[in-house]
Amino acid sequence: GCGPAIFPRRKAGEEAGAAPPCPVVVTRDLVRSLADMPLGKAAQHIGVSATALKKACRKLGLERWSYKKNGAAAAAESSGPVELNEAYVRRLNRKYAAAEKARPHGGPP
């Protein structure tokens, strides 16, 4: 079926009277064909912004861009235990603890 349409804006330096670019219709097939690229490169490839592509993907029900740096084979190979940086984890715990204290009791986050 049809997916969300993105209407690219006029780029800097283009004539104001020029015909507007055609809309880009984002489908699951299009997203699949771009999945081997980082989001920014995929967006540039189809002539839209990364933000517009992300929003269109969300309308299709895709929460995250599925690009893997070394492809699916590397992801399958690296399915072992994940090493976490302990200092990073402590920093995150402090951040969320502070946010929890600042939040009014019973209110939304």
C-alpha atoms as a PDB file:
ATOM      1  CA  GLY A   1       0.000   0.000   0.000  1.00  0.00           C
ATOM      2  CA  CYS A   2       0.809   3.651   0.072  1.00  0.00           C
ATOM      3  CA  GLY A   3       2.885   5.064   2.885  1.00  0.00           C
ATOM      4  CA  PRO A   4       3.364   8.562   4.268  1.00  0.00           C
ATOM      5  CA  ALA A   5       4.347  11.215   1.734  1.00  0.00           C
ATOM      6  CA  ILE A   6       7.170  13.652   2.436  1.00  0.00           C
ATOM      7  CA  PHE A   7       7.071  16.936   0.553  1.00  0.00           C
ATOM      8  CA  PRO A   8      10.678  18.186   0.292  1.00  0.00           C
ATOM      9  CA  ARG A   9      11.177  21.898   0.899  1.00  0.00           C
ATOM     10  CA  ARG A  10      12.888  24.190  -1.555  1.00  0.00           C
ATOM     11  CA  LYS A  11      16.648  24.085  -0.976  1.00  0.00           C
ATOM     12  CA  ALA A  12      18.740  27.202  -0.412  1.00  0.00           C
ATOM     13  CA  GLY A  13      19.783  28.664  -3.735  1.00  0.00           C
ATOM     14  CA  GLU A  14      16.833  27.238  -5.699  1.00  0.00           C
ATOM     15  CA  GLU A  15      14.603  29.702  -7.488  1.00  0.00           C
ATOM     16  CA  ALA A  16      11.429  30.615  -5.612  1.00  0.00           C
ATOM     17  CA  GLY A  17       9.343  30.243  -8.780  1.00  0.00           C
ATOM     18  CA  ALA A  18      10.694  26.775  -9.644  1.00  0.00           C
ATOM     19  CA  ALA A  19       8.291  23.842  -9.578  1.00  0.00           C
ATOM     20  CA  PRO A  20       8.282  22.144  -6.169  1.00  0.00           C
ATOM     21  CA  PRO A  21       9.978  18.747  -5.998  1.00  0.00           C
ATOM     22  CA  CYS A  22       7.753  15.669  -6.190  1.00  0.00           C
ATOM     23  CA  PRO A  23       6.705  14.140  -2.873  1.00  0.00           C
ATOM     24  CA  VAL A  24       8.572  11.071  -1.637  1.00  0.00           C
ATOM     25  CA  VAL A  25       6.245   8.240  -0.581  1.00  0.00           C
ATOM     26  CA  VAL A  26       7.846   6.170   2.166  1.00  0.00           C
ATOM     27  CA  THR A  27       6.875   2.502   2.145  1.00  0.00           C
ATOM     28  CA  ARG A  28       8.214  -0.488   4.049  1.00  0.00           C
ATOM     29  CA  ASP A  29       9.838  -1.673   0.791  1.00  0.00           C
ATOM     30  CA  LEU A  30      11.647   1.661   0.410  1.00  0.00           C
ATOM     31  CA  VAL A  31      12.827   1.505   4.030  1.00  0.00           C
ATOM     32  CA  ARG A  32      14.040  -2.078   3.522  1.00  0.00           C
ATOM     33  CA  SER A  33      15.989  -1.019   0.432  1.00  0.00           C
ATOM     34  CA  LEU A  34      17.720   1.742   2.428  1.00  0.00           C
ATOM     35  CA  ALA A  35      18.378  -0.327   5.580  1.00  0.00           C
ATOM     36  CA  ASP A  36      22.048  -0.879   4.715  1.00  0.00           C
ATOM     37  CA  MET A  37      22.720   2.866   5.080  1.00  0.00           C
ATOM     38  CA  PRO A  38      22.836   5.123   8.136  1.00  0.00           C
ATOM     39  CA  LEU A  39      19.644   7.181   8.533  1.00  0.00           C
ATOM     40  CA  GLY A  40      21.290  10.432   7.409  1.00  0.00           C
ATOM     41  CA  LYS A  41      22.683   8.894   4.216  1.00  0.00           C
ATOM     42  CA  ALA A  42      19.380   7.160   3.452  1.00  0.00           C
ATOM     43  CA  ALA A  43      17.498  10.444   3.839  1.00  0.00           C
ATOM     44  CA  GLN A  44      20.015  12.259   1.641  1.00  0.00           C
ATOM     45  CA  HIS A  45      19.728   9.467  -0.953  1.00  0.00           C
ATOM     46  CA  ILE A  46      15.973  10.051  -1.350  1.00  0.00           C
ATOM     47  CA  GLY A  47      16.245  13.840  -1.012  1.00  0.00           C
ATOM     48  CA  VAL A  48      14.605  14.477   2.366  1.00  0.00           C
ATOM     49  CA  SER A  49      15.793  15.370   5.869  1.00  0.00           C
ATOM     50  CA  ALA A  50      16.649  12.706   8.442  1.00  0.00           C
ATOM     51  CA  THR A  51      13.891  14.074  10.706  1.00  0.00           C
ATOM     52  CA  ALA A  52      11.264  13.779   7.961  1.00  0.00           C
ATOM     53  CA  LEU A  53      12.351  10.211   7.202  1.00  0.00           C
ATOM     54  CA  LYS A  54      12.240   9.302  10.924  1.00  0.00           C
ATOM     55  CA  LYS A  55       8.710  10.704  11.262  1.00  0.00           C
ATOM     56  CA  ALA A  56       7.530   8.819   8.178  1.00  0.00           C
ATOM     57  CA  CYS A  57       9.041   5.595   9.555  1.00  0.00           C
ATOM     58  CA  ARG A  58       7.171   6.117  12.822  1.00  0.00           C
ATOM     59  CA  LYS A  59       3.913   6.507  10.889  1.00  0.00           C
ATOM     60  CA  LEU A  60       4.676   3.109   9.350  1.00  0.00           C
ATOM     61  CA  GLY A  61       5.085   1.672  12.852  1.00  0.00           C
ATOM     62  CA  LEU A  62       8.892   1.500  12.757  1.00  0.00           C
ATOM     63  CA  GLU A  63      10.284   2.789  16.048  1.00  0.00           C
ATOM     64  CA  ARG A  64      13.983   2.787  15.153  1.00  0.00           C
ATOM     65  CA  TRP A  65      16.159   2.906  12.064  1.00  0.00           C
ATOM     66  CA  SER A  66      17.508  -0.631  11.738  1.00  0.00           C
ATOM     67  CA  TYR A  67      20.927   0.134  10.200  1.00  0.00           C
ATOM     68  CA  LYS A  68      23.811  -1.953  11.528  1.00  0.00           C
ATOM     69  CA  LYS A  69      27.342  -0.709  10.827  1.00  0.00           C
ATOM     70  CA  ASN A  70      28.723  -4.063   9.721  1.00  0.00           C
ATOM     71  CA  GLY A  71      25.515  -5.634   8.434  1.00  0.00           C
ATOM     72  CA  ALA A  72      23.318  -8.417   9.750  1.00  0.00           C
ATOM     73  CA  ALA A  73      26.098 -11.036   9.646  1.00  0.00           C
ATOM     74  CA  ALA A  74      28.216  -9.054  12.109  1.00  0.00           C
ATOM     75  CA  ALA A  75      25.195  -8.533  14.370  1.00  0.00           C
ATOM     76  CA  ALA A  76      24.553 -12.276  14.438  1.00  0.00           C
ATOM     77  CA  GLU A  77      28.192 -12.982  15.279  1.00  0.00           C
ATOM     78  CA  SER A  78      28.287 -10.454  18.111  1.00  0.00           C
ATOM     79  CA  SER A  79      25.353 -11.926  20.006  1.00  0.00           C
ATOM     80  CA  GLY A  80      27.590 -12.671  22.998  1.00  0.00           C
ATOM     81  CA  PRO A  81      27.453 -10.796  26.307  1.00  0.00           C
ATOM     82  CA  VAL A  82      27.438  -7.018  26.087  1.00  0.00           C
ATOM     83  CA  GLU A  83      30.107  -5.159  28.039  1.00  0.00           C
ATOM     84  CA  LEU A  84      28.805  -2.056  29.813  1.00  0.00           C
ATOM     85  CA  ASN A  85      30.946   0.857  30.861  1.00  0.00           C
ATOM     86  CA  GLU A  86      30.360   0.905  34.639  1.00  0.00           C
ATOM     87  CA  ALA A  87      31.016   4.654  34.960  1.00  0.00           C
ATOM     88  CA  TYR A  88      28.408   5.319  32.270  1.00  0.00           C
ATOM     89  CA  VAL A  89      25.861   3.127  34.078  1.00  0.00           C
ATOM     90  CA  ARG A  90      26.507   4.933  37.399  1.00  0.00           C
ATOM     91  CA  ARG A  91      26.082   8.316  35.666  1.00  0.00           C
ATOM     92  CA  LEU A  92      22.765   7.199  34.161  1.00  0.00           C
ATOM     93  CA  ASN A  93      21.549   5.894  37.528  1.00  0.00           C
ATOM     94  CA  ARG A  94      22.371   9.247  39.186  1.00  0.00           C
ATOM     95  CA  LYS A  95      20.645  11.150  36.387  1.00  0.00           C
ATOM     96  CA  TYR A  96      17.423   9.148  36.658  1.00  0.00           C
ATOM     97  CA  ALA A  97      17.473   9.203  40.459  1.00  0.00           C
ATOM     98  CA  ALA A  98      17.725  13.016  40.370  1.00  0.00           C
ATOM     99  CA  ALA A  99      14.913  13.219  37.823  1.00  0.00           C
ATOM    100  CA  GLU A 100      12.757  10.960  40.002  1.00  0.00           C
ATOM    101  CA  LYS A 101      13.321  13.188  43.075  1.00  0.00           C
ATOM    102  CA  ALA A 102      12.453  16.328  41.087  1.00  0.00           C
ATOM    103  CA  ARG A 103       9.196  14.847  39.805  1.00  0.00           C
ATOM    104  CA  PRO A 104       6.054  15.693  41.808  1.00  0.00           C
ATOM    105  CA  HIS A 105       4.656  12.608  43.559  1.00  0.00           C
ATOM    106  CA  GLY A 106       2.052  10.813  41.506  1.00  0.00           C
ATOM    107  CA  GLY A 107       2.590  13.073  38.493  1.00  0.00           C
ATOM    108  CA  PRO A 108       3.740  12.119  35.018  1.00  0.00           C
ATOM    109  CA  PRO A 109       7.490  11.909  34.335  1.00  0.00           C
END
